[in-house]
Amino acid sequence: MKLKSIKKKIWSIVIIVTTLIGILPVQANTTETPVKDVELDGRWDDPIRSAATNCPITVFTDGYLLTLKNASPDRDMTIRITDMAKGGVVYENDIPEVQSAYITISIANFPAEEYKLEITGTPSGHLTGYFTQE
């Protein structure tokens, strides 16, 4: 009888220790990366009504990705990122309308500099923003 009781206690301890060891790596990987908004200047006119509207595009970065969210994907666009220190274009891509709702660009390998983001819409619209890679 006593032997069964000791075995139960040992197995209970083994299960608890195994559970705790399994949880530790999960906790170590849950670090939060601060997200920074990129303020945009310019115009993003409505191509149907030929009127200026609130800009449907928001941009933010976490230092690894530059993310563009477009609440109204109604045109093709070109995205260009320029290194402000060297003046060279480090990224440029034409995005078709059907893919322009949510765009992510890896900036993890960009050197620590200030960058200029330009978003040009076809047939109209031009937005400019600046972000710093740290």
Protein backbone atom coordinates (compact mmCIF):
# COMPACT_ATOMS: atom_id res chain seq x y z
CA MET A 1 0.00 0.00 0.00
CA LYS A 2 2.69 2.43 0.96
CA LEU A 3 4.59 1.66 -2.26
CA LYS A 4 1.57 2.58 -4.42
CA SER A 5 1.20 5.87 -2.58
CA ILE A 6 4.87 6.73 -3.14
CA LYS A 7 4.64 5.83 -6.84
CA LYS A 8 1.58 8.09 -7.23
CA LYS A 9 3.43 10.99 -5.60
CA ILE A 10 6.49 10.45 -7.79
CA TRP A 11 4.37 10.36 -10.96
CA SER A 12 2.53 13.50 -9.86
CA ILE A 13 5.85 15.29 -9.36
CA VAL A 14 7.14 14.05 -12.75
CA ILE A 15 3.99 15.35 -14.49
CA ILE A 16 4.23 18.74 -12.77
CA VAL A 17 7.94 19.14 -13.58
CA THR A 18 7.40 18.06 -17.20
CA THR A 19 4.57 20.57 -17.58
CA LEU A 20 6.67 23.39 -16.12
CA ILE A 21 9.63 22.58 -18.36
CA GLY A 22 7.32 22.55 -21.38
CA ILE A 23 5.92 26.00 -20.53
CA LEU A 24 9.28 27.77 -20.08
CA PRO A 25 10.32 27.91 -23.78
CA VAL A 26 6.91 29.32 -24.70
CA GLN A 27 7.30 32.12 -22.18
CA ALA A 28 10.81 32.90 -23.43
CA ASN A 29 9.54 33.44 -26.98
CA THR A 30 6.74 35.85 -26.09
CA THR A 31 8.60 39.14 -26.27
CA GLU A 32 6.67 42.08 -27.61
CA THR A 33 8.16 44.15 -30.39
CA PRO A 34 7.06 47.79 -30.35
CA VAL A 35 5.09 48.82 -33.42
CA LYS A 36 5.61 52.32 -34.83
CA ASP A 37 3.19 54.08 -37.15
CA VAL A 38 4.60 55.75 -40.25
CA GLU A 39 2.88 59.09 -40.85
CA LEU A 40 1.96 59.70 -44.47
CA ASP A 41 1.71 63.05 -46.26
CA GLY A 42 0.23 63.63 -49.69
CA ARG A 43 -3.01 63.00 -51.56
CA TRP A 44 -4.88 59.81 -52.33
CA ASP A 45 -7.80 60.98 -54.44
CA ASP A 46 -10.84 58.84 -55.14
CA PRO A 47 -10.48 57.81 -58.81
CA ILE A 48 -14.24 57.46 -59.27
CA ARG A 49 -15.41 60.73 -57.72
CA SER A 50 -12.32 62.84 -58.46
CA ALA A 51 -12.37 64.13 -54.92
CA ALA A 52 -9.91 64.13 -52.07
CA THR A 53 -10.89 61.61 -49.41
CA ASN A 54 -9.41 60.37 -46.18
CA CYS A 55 -6.37 58.28 -46.96
CA PRO A 56 -7.31 54.59 -46.74
CA ILE A 57 -3.67 53.52 -46.33
CA THR A 58 -1.95 53.03 -42.99
CA VAL A 59 1.66 51.99 -42.57
CA PHE A 60 3.50 50.67 -39.54
CA THR A 61 6.77 48.91 -38.75
CA ASP A 62 8.03 46.63 -36.03
CA GLY A 63 11.67 46.84 -37.16
CA TYR A 64 11.41 43.59 -39.10
CA LEU A 65 8.48 44.26 -41.42
CA LEU A 66 7.00 47.35 -42.97
CA THR A 67 3.26 46.69 -43.22
CA LEU A 68 0.82 48.59 -45.44
CA LYS A 69 -2.93 48.20 -44.91
CA ASN A 70 -5.19 49.58 -47.61
CA ALA A 71 -8.86 49.81 -46.58
CA SER A 72 -9.84 50.69 -50.15
CA PRO A 73 -7.71 48.71 -52.64
CA ASP A 74 -8.95 50.47 -55.78
CA ARG A 75 -5.81 50.97 -57.91
CA ASP A 76 -2.37 49.69 -58.81
CA MET A 77 0.47 51.22 -56.82
CA THR A 78 4.23 51.50 -56.79
CA ILE A 79 6.09 51.32 -53.49
CA ARG A 80 9.59 52.76 -53.30
CA ILE A 81 11.90 52.94 -50.28
CA THR A 82 14.95 55.22 -50.44
CA ASP A 83 17.92 55.26 -48.04
CA MET A 84 18.08 58.91 -46.97
CA ALA A 85 21.81 58.80 -46.09
CA LYS A 86 22.98 57.32 -49.39
CA GLY A 87 20.15 58.50 -51.62
CA GLY A 88 19.72 55.11 -53.29
CA VAL A 89 16.53 53.15 -53.80
CA VAL A 90 16.68 50.02 -51.63
CA TYR A 91 13.24 48.65 -52.53
CA GLU A 92 10.82 49.22 -55.39
CA ASN A 93 7.85 47.13 -56.42
CA ASP A 94 4.73 47.53 -58.54
CA ILE A 95 1.68 46.14 -56.74
CA PRO A 96 -1.45 45.30 -58.75
CA GLU A 97 -4.81 46.48 -57.41
CA VAL A 98 -5.90 42.94 -56.47
CA GLN A 99 -2.87 42.55 -54.16
CA SER A 100 -2.89 46.03 -52.64
CA ALA A 101 -5.06 45.44 -49.56
CA TYR A 102 -2.30 44.11 -47.29
CA ILE A 103 1.40 44.33 -48.10
CA THR A 104 4.41 43.35 -46.00
CA ILE A 105 7.99 44.25 -46.86
CA SER A 106 10.93 42.73 -45.01
CA ILE A 107 13.20 45.46 -43.66
CA ALA A 108 15.08 43.25 -41.19
CA ASN A 109 18.30 43.45 -43.24
CA PHE A 110 18.13 47.21 -43.82
CA PRO A 111 21.05 49.05 -42.16
CA ALA A 112 20.24 51.40 -39.28
CA GLU A 113 19.30 54.54 -41.22
CA GLU A 114 16.39 56.84 -41.98
CA TYR A 115 14.30 55.81 -44.98
CA LYS A 116 11.78 57.55 -47.20
CA LEU A 117 8.68 55.60 -48.22
CA GLU A 118 6.84 56.65 -51.38
CA ILE A 119 3.52 55.15 -52.46
CA THR A 120 2.32 56.18 -55.90
CA GLY A 121 -1.13 55.19 -57.12
CA THR A 122 -2.19 54.73 -60.73
CA PRO A 123 -3.99 56.80 -62.04
CA SER A 124 -3.66 59.21 -59.09
CA GLY A 125 -2.29 59.47 -55.60
CA HIS A 126 1.10 60.06 -54.04
CA LEU A 127 2.00 59.52 -50.39
CA THR A 128 5.31 60.03 -48.61
CA GLY A 129 6.41 58.91 -45.17
CA TYR A 130 9.63 58.48 -43.23
CA PHE A 131 10.77 55.75 -40.86
CA THR A 132 13.97 54.88 -39.04
CA GLN A 133 15.44 51.41 -38.94
CA GLU A 134 17.19 50.93 -35.60
